[in-house]
Structures are given as structure tokens and as C-alpha cells.
Amino acid sequence: MSPSHRPRRPAARALAAAVAVSLLAVATAVGARSSDRNKPMDIYAGHQSGTFSGDSVNTLSGGVRITQGTLEITSQGAKITLSDGEPVRAVFTGSVELRQQMDDGTPMTAKAANVDYNLTTEVVVFTGNVSISQPRGTMSGERVVYNLKTGGVESGGQGSGRVHMRILPKAARGGSTQDDTDPAGDGN
């Protein structure tokens, strides 16, 4: 039987469920396509280790790629923390990239060095050279915190880190605007 036709073992199903809950919450944070939640999820990694019961941490390494409908997440590694067998935290590390279509069909891309999603508090933290891009505009900085419960966003950086936002007028959403100046003069 080929690998793509093998039945999933209970451990693989448990990991898929844990990752699915984590990823869907991250995707929801950026207005993702809601129908993706009902699609099958495929998880690819060079290596997986951990248990799927009680309090445990499951580690994915060797290049992680997760797809579900229009959602695609890639990273170097991921750790999914379980409490009483339920996912409570997902941490994606190393060149994290999240791509997905929004409900209105427009694309969204988020990139960061790391993404930490706490399922208990429903807070997603993007850190390290964060860039979020949609046709309506962009946001970049060293740290972006998104609270799923309140919809609140906090962004910026530590030390000399700054946030840069660009909101395009409706007429310009098909391309970029002419004015690419940096009023702070710091290259951000």
C-alpha cells in the first residue's frame, strides 16, 4: 500500500487534530477562509516525536509543511503542547510563512521568525521580522500580537524596532501607491 493510501494511525489523527485546532485559530486571526476548517489537513515533517495523551509536547522538525484547503503553513519546526490530551499551545519556529485566501477570495500572507499561539488565552504572537500582507495593505515590525477574543492588535518592536503600516485606498488595492517615502527616515 502506498504511503498516501495508508490508513492514519490514532497517533497521527491526534497530532492532526492538535495542529488543526492551533492552525485554524492562527488563520482566523487574520480573517482566513472559514470553509478551510472543513477540509482535510495534511502534515509533512522530516521527523515527529511525542505522545498524544495527558500532558505532553509533540515536536515536528526537519521542515514542516501543513496544508488545509487554501491554508498553507511552512516552518523549520513546530511544538504542539497538550494538557489532558487537548492542545493548549502551538509554537512554530524558523522562517514561518502562512498563506491563505480570505473569505472574500483575496490572498493573505504572514511571515515571521516565530509564531506562538496560546489556545487558552487565544493570543497569537508573531515575532522576528514580521510581515503581514493583504491587498488592502501591509504591516511589518519586530512583534505583532493578535488577540482573537477582542480583535485587538498590538505591534512594534524592542529597542529601535518600529512598526510600519500601509493602508491602500480602494482604488489602489490592485497595485502599490506612488508614495514610498519613510517619514521616520529609519528604513522601516
N, C-alpha and C. Protein backbone atom coordinates (compact mmCIF):
# COMPACT_ATOMS: atom_id res chain seq x y z
N MET A 1 0.86 -1.18 0.00
CA MET A 1 0.00 0.00 0.00
C MET A 1 0.90 1.23 0.00
N SER A 2 0.61 2.20 -0.87
CA SER A 2 1.44 3.40 -0.96
C SER A 2 1.22 4.27 0.27
N PRO A 3 2.23 5.13 0.63
CA PRO A 3 2.10 5.98 1.82
C PRO A 3 0.87 6.87 1.78
N SER A 4 0.46 7.32 0.60
CA SER A 4 -0.69 8.22 0.55
C SER A 4 -2.02 7.48 0.76
N HIS A 5 -1.99 6.13 0.69
CA HIS A 5 -3.22 5.36 0.85
C HIS A 5 -3.28 4.58 2.16
N ARG A 6 -2.26 4.72 2.99
CA ARG A 6 -2.27 4.04 4.28
C ARG A 6 -3.29 4.68 5.21
N PRO A 7 -4.00 3.88 5.99
CA PRO A 7 -4.92 4.49 6.96
C PRO A 7 -4.12 5.21 8.04
N ARG A 8 -4.65 6.29 8.52
CA ARG A 8 -3.98 7.05 9.58
C ARG A 8 -4.06 6.29 10.89
N ARG A 9 -2.94 6.26 11.61
CA ARG A 9 -2.93 5.66 12.94
C ARG A 9 -3.52 6.65 13.93
N PRO A 10 -4.00 6.15 15.09
CA PRO A 10 -4.58 7.06 16.09
C PRO A 10 -3.64 8.19 16.49
N ALA A 11 -2.34 7.92 16.61
CA ALA A 11 -1.39 8.97 16.99
C ALA A 11 -1.35 10.06 15.93
N ALA A 12 -1.35 9.68 14.66
CA ALA A 12 -1.32 10.67 13.59
C ALA A 12 -2.61 11.48 13.58
N ARG A 13 -3.74 10.84 13.84
CA ARG A 13 -5.01 11.57 13.89
C ARG A 13 -5.01 12.56 15.05
N ALA A 14 -4.46 12.15 16.20
CA ALA A 14 -4.42 13.04 17.36
C ALA A 14 -3.53 14.25 17.08
N LEU A 15 -2.37 14.02 16.45
CA LEU A 15 -1.49 15.13 16.10
C LEU A 15 -2.17 16.05 15.11
N ALA A 16 -2.82 15.47 14.12
CA ALA A 16 -3.52 16.28 13.13
C ALA A 16 -4.59 17.15 13.79
N ALA A 17 -5.31 16.57 14.74
CA ALA A 17 -6.35 17.35 15.44
C ALA A 17 -5.74 18.48 16.24
N ALA A 18 -4.64 18.19 16.94
CA ALA A 18 -3.99 19.22 17.75
C ALA A 18 -3.46 20.35 16.88
N VAL A 19 -2.82 20.00 15.79
CA VAL A 19 -2.28 21.01 14.89
C VAL A 19 -3.41 21.78 14.22
N ALA A 20 -4.48 21.07 13.85
CA ALA A 20 -5.61 21.72 13.19
C ALA A 20 -6.21 22.81 14.06
N VAL A 21 -6.44 22.49 15.33
CA VAL A 21 -7.01 23.48 16.24
C VAL A 21 -6.09 24.69 16.33
N SER A 22 -4.80 24.45 16.45
CA SER A 22 -3.83 25.53 16.55
C SER A 22 -3.79 26.38 15.30
N LEU A 23 -3.71 25.74 14.15
CA LEU A 23 -3.57 26.47 12.90
C LEU A 23 -4.83 27.23 12.54
N LEU A 24 -5.97 26.63 12.77
CA LEU A 24 -7.20 27.32 12.43
C LEU A 24 -7.37 28.58 13.26
N ALA A 25 -6.93 28.53 14.49
CA ALA A 25 -7.01 29.73 15.32
C ALA A 25 -6.07 30.80 14.79
N VAL A 26 -4.86 30.42 14.39
CA VAL A 26 -3.93 31.39 13.82
C VAL A 26 -4.52 31.96 12.53
N ALA A 27 -5.06 31.11 11.68
CA ALA A 27 -5.63 31.57 10.42
C ALA A 27 -6.83 32.49 10.67
N THR A 28 -7.66 32.16 11.65
CA THR A 28 -8.80 33.00 11.98
C THR A 28 -8.35 34.39 12.40
N ALA A 29 -7.18 34.47 13.00
CA ALA A 29 -6.66 35.74 13.46
C ALA A 29 -6.48 36.73 12.32
N VAL A 30 -6.29 36.24 11.13
CA VAL A 30 -6.07 37.14 10.01
C VAL A 30 -7.23 37.08 9.01
N GLY A 31 -8.42 36.66 9.43
CA GLY A 31 -9.61 36.70 8.59
C GLY A 31 -9.62 35.65 7.51
N ALA A 32 -9.14 34.46 7.80
CA ALA A 32 -8.97 33.42 6.81
C ALA A 32 -10.28 32.84 6.31
N ARG A 33 -10.16 32.08 5.23
CA ARG A 33 -11.33 31.44 4.61
C ARG A 33 -11.93 30.43 5.58
N SER A 34 -13.15 30.67 6.01
CA SER A 34 -13.79 29.84 7.02
C SER A 34 -14.08 28.43 6.53
N SER A 35 -14.29 28.23 5.22
CA SER A 35 -14.59 26.89 4.71
C SER A 35 -13.39 25.95 4.80
N ASP A 36 -12.17 26.49 4.97
CA ASP A 36 -10.99 25.64 5.11
C ASP A 36 -11.08 24.73 6.33
N ARG A 37 -11.81 25.16 7.34
CA ARG A 37 -11.92 24.38 8.57
C ARG A 37 -12.53 23.01 8.33
N ASN A 38 -13.31 22.87 7.26
CA ASN A 38 -13.98 21.60 6.96
C ASN A 38 -13.23 20.74 5.97
N LYS A 39 -12.02 21.13 5.61
CA LYS A 39 -11.20 20.38 4.64
C LYS A 39 -10.22 19.48 5.38
N PRO A 40 -9.76 18.42 4.72
CA PRO A 40 -8.74 17.56 5.34
C PRO A 40 -7.43 18.34 5.53
N MET A 41 -6.69 17.97 6.57
CA MET A 41 -5.40 18.59 6.84
C MET A 41 -4.30 17.58 6.55
N ASP A 42 -3.26 18.04 5.86
CA ASP A 42 -2.08 17.21 5.61
C ASP A 42 -0.89 17.84 6.31
N ILE A 43 -0.13 17.03 7.05
CA ILE A 43 1.03 17.49 7.82
C ILE A 43 2.24 16.74 7.30
N TYR A 44 3.28 17.49 6.92
CA TYR A 44 4.52 16.90 6.43
C TYR A 44 5.64 17.43 7.31
N ALA A 45 6.53 16.54 7.74
CA ALA A 45 7.71 16.94 8.52
C ALA A 45 8.78 15.87 8.34
N GLY A 46 10.01 16.28 8.55
CA GLY A 46 11.10 15.31 8.47
C GLY A 46 11.07 14.34 9.63
N HIS A 47 10.54 14.80 10.78
CA HIS A 47 10.53 13.96 11.98
C HIS A 47 9.43 14.44 12.93
N GLN A 48 8.81 13.51 13.63
CA GLN A 48 7.81 13.81 14.66
C GLN A 48 8.15 12.98 15.88
N SER A 49 8.04 13.60 17.07
CA SER A 49 8.23 12.83 18.31
C SER A 49 7.30 13.38 19.38
N GLY A 50 6.85 12.50 20.26
CA GLY A 50 5.97 12.90 21.35
C GLY A 50 4.88 11.87 21.58
N THR A 51 4.06 12.12 22.59
CA THR A 51 2.91 11.27 22.87
C THR A 51 1.64 12.09 22.69
N PHE A 52 0.51 11.42 22.69
CA PHE A 52 -0.74 12.10 22.37
C PHE A 52 -1.77 11.96 23.47
N SER A 53 -1.31 11.81 24.68
CA SER A 53 -2.24 11.72 25.80
C SER A 53 -1.68 12.50 26.97
N GLY A 54 -2.57 12.86 27.89
CA GLY A 54 -2.14 13.58 29.09
C GLY A 54 -1.48 14.89 28.77
N ASP A 55 -0.45 15.22 29.55
CA ASP A 55 0.32 16.44 29.36
C ASP A 55 1.58 16.07 28.59
N SER A 56 1.72 16.61 27.39
CA SER A 56 2.86 16.25 26.56
C SER A 56 3.18 17.35 25.57
N VAL A 57 4.34 17.22 24.94
CA VAL A 57 4.75 18.12 23.88
C VAL A 57 5.10 17.26 22.67
N ASN A 58 4.51 17.59 21.54
CA ASN A 58 4.81 16.91 20.29
C ASN A 58 5.67 17.84 19.46
N THR A 59 6.77 17.31 18.96
CA THR A 59 7.73 18.11 18.20
C THR A 59 7.76 17.65 16.75
N LEU A 60 7.64 18.61 15.85
CA LEU A 60 7.79 18.38 14.42
C LEU A 60 9.06 19.11 14.00
N SER A 61 9.92 18.45 13.22
CA SER A 61 11.17 19.09 12.81
C SER A 61 11.53 18.66 11.39
N GLY A 62 12.64 19.20 10.91
CA GLY A 62 13.12 18.83 9.59
C GLY A 62 12.33 19.45 8.46
N GLY A 63 11.76 20.62 8.70
CA GLY A 63 10.94 21.28 7.69
C GLY A 63 9.51 20.82 7.82
N VAL A 64 8.64 21.74 8.22
CA VAL A 64 7.24 21.42 8.46
C VAL A 64 6.40 22.12 7.39
N ARG A 65 5.48 21.38 6.82
CA ARG A 65 4.52 21.95 5.85
C ARG A 65 3.15 21.40 6.20
N ILE A 66 2.20 22.30 6.39
CA ILE A 66 0.84 21.92 6.75
C ILE A 66 -0.10 22.59 5.76
N THR A 67 -1.00 21.80 5.18
CA THR A 67 -1.99 22.36 4.26
C THR A 67 -3.39 21.94 4.69
N GLN A 68 -4.33 22.84 4.47
CA GLN A 68 -5.74 22.57 4.73
C GLN A 68 -6.55 23.54 3.89
N GLY A 69 -7.17 23.05 2.83
CA GLY A 69 -7.88 23.95 1.92
C GLY A 69 -6.90 24.95 1.34
N THR A 70 -7.20 26.24 1.46
CA THR A 70 -6.31 27.27 0.93
C THR A 70 -5.19 27.64 1.90
N LEU A 71 -5.24 27.10 3.13
CA LEU A 71 -4.23 27.39 4.14
C LEU A 71 -2.97 26.58 3.88
N GLU A 72 -1.82 27.25 3.92
CA GLU A 72 -0.53 26.58 3.87
C GLU A 72 0.39 27.25 4.86
N ILE A 73 0.97 26.45 5.76
CA ILE A 73 1.94 26.96 6.72
C ILE A 73 3.22 26.17 6.55
N THR A 74 4.35 26.90 6.48
CA THR A 74 5.65 26.25 6.44
C THR A 74 6.50 26.84 7.55
N SER A 75 7.35 26.01 8.13
CA SER A 75 8.30 26.45 9.15
C SER A 75 9.40 25.40 9.25
N GLN A 76 10.46 25.75 9.95
CA GLN A 76 11.52 24.76 10.18
C GLN A 76 11.08 23.71 11.19
N GLY A 77 10.31 24.15 12.20
CA GLY A 77 9.86 23.22 13.24
C GLY A 77 8.61 23.71 13.92
N ALA A 78 8.01 22.84 14.73
CA ALA A 78 6.82 23.20 15.48
C ALA A 78 6.75 22.35 16.74
N LYS A 79 6.18 22.93 17.81
CA LYS A 79 5.92 22.20 19.05
C LYS A 79 4.47 22.42 19.42
N ILE A 80 3.75 21.33 19.60
CA ILE A 80 2.35 21.38 19.99
C ILE A 80 2.26 20.85 21.41
N THR A 81 1.82 21.70 22.34
CA THR A 81 1.72 21.32 23.75
C THR A 81 0.28 20.89 24.05
N LEU A 82 0.14 19.72 24.71
CA LEU A 82 -1.16 19.19 25.09
C LEU A 82 -1.29 19.20 26.61
N SER A 83 -2.49 19.46 27.09
CA SER A 83 -2.81 19.35 28.51
C SER A 83 -4.07 18.49 28.59
N ASP A 84 -3.99 17.41 29.34
CA ASP A 84 -5.10 16.44 29.39
C ASP A 84 -5.50 15.98 28.00
N GLY A 85 -4.52 15.85 27.11
CA GLY A 85 -4.77 15.37 25.76
C GLY A 85 -5.33 16.40 24.80
N GLU A 86 -5.51 17.64 25.25
CA GLU A 86 -6.06 18.71 24.41
C GLU A 86 -4.95 19.72 24.09
N PRO A 87 -4.90 20.23 22.84
CA PRO A 87 -3.88 21.22 22.51
C PRO A 87 -4.11 22.53 23.25
N VAL A 88 -3.04 23.07 23.86
CA VAL A 88 -3.13 24.34 24.58
C VAL A 88 -2.17 25.39 24.01
N ARG A 89 -1.18 24.95 23.23
CA ARG A 89 -0.21 25.90 22.69
C ARG A 89 0.44 25.31 21.44
N ALA A 90 0.67 26.16 20.44
CA ALA A 90 1.39 25.77 19.23
C ALA A 90 2.45 26.82 18.96
N VAL A 91 3.70 26.38 18.85
CA VAL A 91 4.81 27.29 18.57
C VAL A 91 5.48 26.83 17.28
N PHE A 92 5.48 27.71 16.29
CA PHE A 92 6.13 27.44 15.01
C PHE A 92 7.41 28.27 14.97
N THR A 93 8.53 27.64 14.57
CA THR A 93 9.82 28.31 14.61
C THR A 93 10.56 28.19 13.28
N GLY A 94 11.37 29.19 13.02
CA GLY A 94 12.26 29.15 11.86
C GLY A 94 11.57 29.47 10.55
N SER A 95 11.62 30.71 10.14
CA SER A 95 11.08 31.15 8.84
C SER A 95 9.64 30.69 8.63
N VAL A 96 8.76 31.10 9.52
CA VAL A 96 7.36 30.72 9.44
C VAL A 96 6.66 31.53 8.35
N GLU A 97 5.92 30.86 7.50
CA GLU A 97 5.14 31.54 6.47
C GLU A 97 3.75 30.93 6.44
N LEU A 98 2.75 31.79 6.52
CA LEU A 98 1.35 31.40 6.48
C LEU A 98 0.72 32.07 5.27
N ARG A 99 0.11 31.27 4.41
CA ARG A 99 -0.60 31.79 3.22
C ARG A 99 -2.01 31.24 3.25
N GLN A 100 -2.97 32.10 2.90
CA GLN A 100 -4.36 31.65 2.85
C GLN A 100 -5.20 32.67 2.11
N GLN A 101 -6.29 32.18 1.52
CA GLN A 101 -7.26 33.09 0.93
C GLN A 101 -8.23 33.52 2.01
N MET A 102 -8.64 34.78 1.93
CA MET A 102 -9.65 35.30 2.83
C MET A 102 -11.02 34.84 2.34
N ASP A 103 -12.06 35.03 3.15
CA ASP A 103 -13.40 34.64 2.74
C ASP A 103 -13.83 35.34 1.46
N ASP A 104 -13.32 36.56 1.22
CA ASP A 104 -13.70 37.29 0.00
C ASP A 104 -12.84 36.90 -1.21
N GLY A 105 -11.94 35.92 -1.04
CA GLY A 105 -11.10 35.43 -2.13
C GLY A 105 -9.77 36.11 -2.28
N THR A 106 -9.50 37.17 -1.51
CA THR A 106 -8.22 37.86 -1.61
C THR A 106 -7.15 37.08 -0.85
N PRO A 107 -5.92 37.15 -1.30
CA PRO A 107 -4.84 36.41 -0.63
C PRO A 107 -4.31 37.15 0.59
N MET A 108 -3.77 36.39 1.53
CA MET A 108 -3.13 36.93 2.72
C MET A 108 -1.85 36.13 2.94
N THR A 109 -0.77 36.83 3.28
CA THR A 109 0.49 36.18 3.61
C THR A 109 1.03 36.79 4.89
N ALA A 110 1.45 35.94 5.82
CA ALA A 110 2.10 36.41 7.05
C ALA A 110 3.43 35.67 7.16
N LYS A 111 4.49 36.41 7.47
CA LYS A 111 5.82 35.83 7.64
C LYS A 111 6.40 36.33 8.95
N ALA A 112 7.13 35.45 9.64
CA ALA A 112 7.79 35.82 10.89
C ALA A 112 8.84 34.77 11.19
N ALA A 113 9.77 35.12 12.07
CA ALA A 113 10.75 34.13 12.51
C ALA A 113 10.06 33.07 13.36
N ASN A 114 9.07 33.49 14.18
CA ASN A 114 8.37 32.58 15.07
C ASN A 114 6.91 33.00 15.22
N VAL A 115 6.04 32.02 15.44
CA VAL A 115 4.63 32.27 15.73
C VAL A 115 4.27 31.43 16.94
N ASP A 116 3.74 32.07 17.98
CA ASP A 116 3.37 31.39 19.23
C ASP A 116 1.89 31.63 19.48
N TYR A 117 1.11 30.55 19.44
CA TYR A 117 -0.33 30.67 19.65
C TYR A 117 -0.72 29.97 20.94
N ASN A 118 -1.27 30.72 21.88
CA ASN A 118 -1.76 30.18 23.14
C ASN A 118 -3.26 29.96 23.01
N LEU A 119 -3.68 28.70 22.93
CA LEU A 119 -5.09 28.39 22.73
C LEU A 119 -5.92 28.73 23.95
N THR A 120 -5.30 28.76 25.13
CA THR A 120 -6.03 29.07 26.37
C THR A 120 -6.42 30.55 26.42
N THR A 121 -5.47 31.43 26.12
CA THR A 121 -5.74 32.87 26.15
C THR A 121 -6.23 33.39 24.81
N GLU A 122 -6.09 32.59 23.76
CA GLU A 122 -6.44 32.96 22.39
C GLU A 122 -5.66 34.17 21.91
N VAL A 123 -4.36 34.16 22.21
CA VAL A 123 -3.46 35.22 21.77
C VAL A 123 -2.40 34.62 20.85
N VAL A 124 -2.20 35.25 19.68
CA VAL A 124 -1.19 34.83 18.71
C VAL A 124 -0.09 35.89 18.71
N VAL A 125 1.16 35.47 18.87
CA VAL A 125 2.29 36.40 18.88
C VAL A 125 3.22 36.04 17.73
N PHE A 126 3.37 36.98 16.78
CA PHE A 126 4.31 36.86 15.67
C PHE A 126 5.56 37.64 16.09
N THR A 127 6.75 37.04 16.01
CA THR A 127 7.99 37.74 16.37
C THR A 127 9.07 37.53 15.32
N GLY A 128 9.94 38.53 15.23
CA GLY A 128 11.10 38.45 14.36
C GLY A 128 10.80 38.74 12.91
N ASN A 129 11.05 39.97 12.49
CA ASN A 129 10.89 40.37 11.10
C ASN A 129 9.50 40.01 10.56
N VAL A 130 8.48 40.46 11.26
CA VAL A 130 7.08 40.15 10.93
C VAL A 130 6.64 40.96 9.72
N SER A 131 5.94 40.30 8.82
CA SER A 131 5.37 40.96 7.65
C SER A 131 4.02 40.32 7.37
N ILE A 132 2.97 41.13 7.36
CA ILE A 132 1.62 40.66 7.05
C ILE A 132 1.14 41.46 5.87
N SER A 133 0.70 40.77 4.83
CA SER A 133 0.34 41.45 3.59
C SER A 133 -1.00 40.95 3.06
N GLN A 134 -1.86 41.91 2.72
CA GLN A 134 -3.15 41.67 2.09
C GLN A 134 -3.33 42.75 1.04
N PRO A 135 -4.22 42.55 0.07
CA PRO A 135 -4.40 43.59 -0.94
C PRO A 135 -4.79 44.95 -0.35
N ARG A 136 -5.43 44.97 0.82
CA ARG A 136 -5.83 46.26 1.40
C ARG A 136 -4.70 46.98 2.12
N GLY A 137 -3.57 46.28 2.33
CA GLY A 137 -2.44 46.94 2.97
C GLY A 137 -1.46 45.96 3.59
N THR A 138 -0.45 46.52 4.26
CA THR A 138 0.60 45.71 4.87
C THR A 138 0.90 46.20 6.29
N MET A 139 1.51 45.33 7.06
CA MET A 139 2.00 45.68 8.39
C MET A 139 3.31 44.93 8.58
N SER A 140 4.31 45.62 9.12
CA SER A 140 5.58 44.96 9.40
C SER A 140 6.16 45.52 10.68
N GLY A 141 6.98 44.72 11.32
CA GLY A 141 7.63 45.12 12.57
C GLY A 141 8.32 43.92 13.18
N GLU A 142 8.82 44.09 14.36
CA GLU A 142 9.50 43.00 15.05
C GLU A 142 8.56 42.13 15.87
N ARG A 143 7.37 42.66 16.18
CA ARG A 143 6.44 41.89 17.01
C ARG A 143 5.02 42.35 16.74
N VAL A 144 4.13 41.38 16.48
CA VAL A 144 2.72 41.68 16.31
C VAL A 144 1.96 40.70 17.19
N VAL A 145 1.09 41.23 18.05
CA VAL A 145 0.28 40.42 18.96
C VAL A 145 -1.17 40.59 18.55
N TYR A 146 -1.85 39.46 18.32
CA TYR A 146 -3.26 39.50 17.92
C TYR A 146 -4.08 38.74 18.94
N ASN A 147 -5.08 39.41 19.52
CA ASN A 147 -5.97 38.79 20.49
C ASN A 147 -7.24 38.37 19.77
N LEU A 148 -7.44 37.05 19.65
CA LEU A 148 -8.60 36.54 18.93
C LEU A 148 -9.91 36.88 19.63
N LYS A 149 -9.90 36.97 20.95
CA LYS A 149 -11.12 37.26 21.70
C LYS A 149 -11.60 38.68 21.47
N THR A 150 -10.67 39.63 21.48
CA THR A 150 -11.06 41.04 21.39
C THR A 150 -10.87 41.63 19.99
N GLY A 151 -10.07 40.97 19.15
CA GLY A 151 -9.75 41.53 17.83
C GLY A 151 -8.66 42.58 17.91
N GLY A 152 -8.11 42.80 19.10
CA GLY A 152 -7.08 43.81 19.28
C GLY A 152 -5.74 43.40 18.71
N VAL A 153 -5.03 44.36 18.14
CA VAL A 153 -3.70 44.15 17.58
C VAL A 153 -2.75 45.12 18.25
N GLU A 154 -1.60 44.63 18.66
CA GLU A 154 -0.54 45.48 19.21
C GLU A 154 0.72 45.13 18.44
N SER A 155 1.43 46.15 17.96
CA SER A 155 2.63 45.86 17.18
C SER A 155 3.71 46.87 17.50
N GLY A 156 4.91 46.50 17.13
CA GLY A 156 6.07 47.35 17.37
C GLY A 156 7.30 46.50 17.50
N GLY A 157 8.25 47.00 18.26
CA GLY A 157 9.48 46.28 18.43
C GLY A 157 10.14 46.66 19.72
N GLN A 158 11.23 46.01 19.98
CA GLN A 158 12.00 46.33 21.16
C GLN A 158 13.20 47.17 20.74
N GLY A 159 13.65 48.04 21.61
CA GLY A 159 14.77 48.90 21.27
C GLY A 159 14.41 49.83 20.13
N SER A 160 15.15 49.72 19.02
CA SER A 160 14.91 50.61 17.88
C SER A 160 13.88 50.05 16.91
N GLY A 161 13.28 48.91 17.23
CA GLY A 161 12.27 48.33 16.34
C GLY A 161 11.06 49.23 16.20
N ARG A 162 10.53 49.30 15.01
CA ARG A 162 9.38 50.15 14.73
C ARG A 162 8.37 49.34 13.94
N VAL A 163 7.14 49.79 13.94
CA VAL A 163 6.10 49.18 13.13
C VAL A 163 5.86 50.07 11.92
N HIS A 164 5.55 49.45 10.81
CA HIS A 164 5.22 50.20 9.59
C HIS A 164 3.92 49.61 9.06
N MET A 165 2.92 50.47 8.85
CA MET A 165 1.65 50.05 8.28
C MET A 165 1.40 50.85 7.02
N ARG A 166 0.86 50.21 6.03
CA ARG A 166 0.46 50.89 4.80
C ARG A 166 -0.96 50.44 4.50
N ILE A 167 -1.89 51.38 4.45
CA ILE A 167 -3.28 51.10 4.14
C ILE A 167 -3.56 51.74 2.79
N LEU A 168 -3.92 50.92 1.83
CA LEU A 168 -4.15 51.40 0.48
C LEU A 168 -5.59 51.86 0.29
N PRO A 169 -5.78 52.94 -0.48
CA PRO A 169 -7.15 53.33 -0.82
C PRO A 169 -7.74 52.27 -1.75
N LYS A 170 -9.06 52.18 -1.78
CA LYS A 170 -9.72 51.16 -2.60
C LYS A 170 -9.24 51.18 -4.04
N ALA A 171 -9.04 52.36 -4.60
CA ALA A 171 -8.63 52.49 -5.99
C ALA A 171 -7.24 51.91 -6.24
N ALA A 172 -6.39 51.85 -5.22
CA ALA A 172 -5.01 51.39 -5.39
C ALA A 172 -4.79 49.95 -4.95
N ARG A 173 -5.80 49.24 -4.53
CA ARG A 173 -5.61 47.89 -3.99
C ARG A 173 -5.17 46.87 -5.01
N GLY A 174 -5.23 47.18 -6.27
CA GLY A 174 -4.73 46.26 -7.29
C GLY A 174 -3.23 46.39 -7.48
N GLY A 175 -2.63 47.46 -6.98
CA GLY A 175 -1.19 47.69 -7.12
C GLY A 175 -0.68 48.46 -5.94
N SER A 176 0.46 49.07 -6.09
CA SER A 176 1.02 49.85 -4.99
C SER A 176 0.83 51.33 -5.26
N THR A 177 1.01 52.14 -4.23
CA THR A 177 0.89 53.58 -4.39
C THR A 177 2.21 54.16 -4.83
N GLN A 178 2.19 55.39 -5.34
CA GLN A 178 3.39 56.07 -5.81
C GLN A 178 4.29 56.50 -4.67
N ASP A 179 3.75 56.83 -3.50
CA ASP A 179 4.50 57.40 -2.40
C ASP A 179 5.10 56.30 -1.54
N ASP A 180 6.42 56.06 -1.71
CA ASP A 180 7.11 55.05 -0.92
C ASP A 180 8.07 55.68 0.06
N THR A 181 7.78 56.88 0.52
CA THR A 181 8.67 57.56 1.44
C THR A 181 8.54 57.00 2.84
N ASP A 182 9.57 57.17 3.63
CA ASP A 182 9.62 56.72 5.02
C ASP A 182 9.71 57.97 5.89
N PRO A 183 8.58 58.45 6.46
CA PRO A 183 8.60 59.71 7.19
C PRO A 183 9.51 59.69 8.42
N ALA A 184 9.79 58.54 8.97
CA ALA A 184 10.67 58.48 10.14
C ALA A 184 12.14 58.46 9.72
N GLY A 185 12.37 58.15 8.44
CA GLY A 185 13.74 58.14 7.95
C GLY A 185 14.58 57.01 8.47
N ASP A 186 13.94 55.93 8.94
CA ASP A 186 14.73 54.84 9.51
C ASP A 186 14.70 53.56 8.68
N GLY A 187 14.17 53.63 7.46
CA GLY A 187 14.17 52.49 6.58
C GLY A 187 13.05 51.50 6.81
N ASN A 188 12.15 51.76 7.76
CA ASN A 188 11.03 50.84 8.02
C ASN A 188 9.77 51.33 7.36
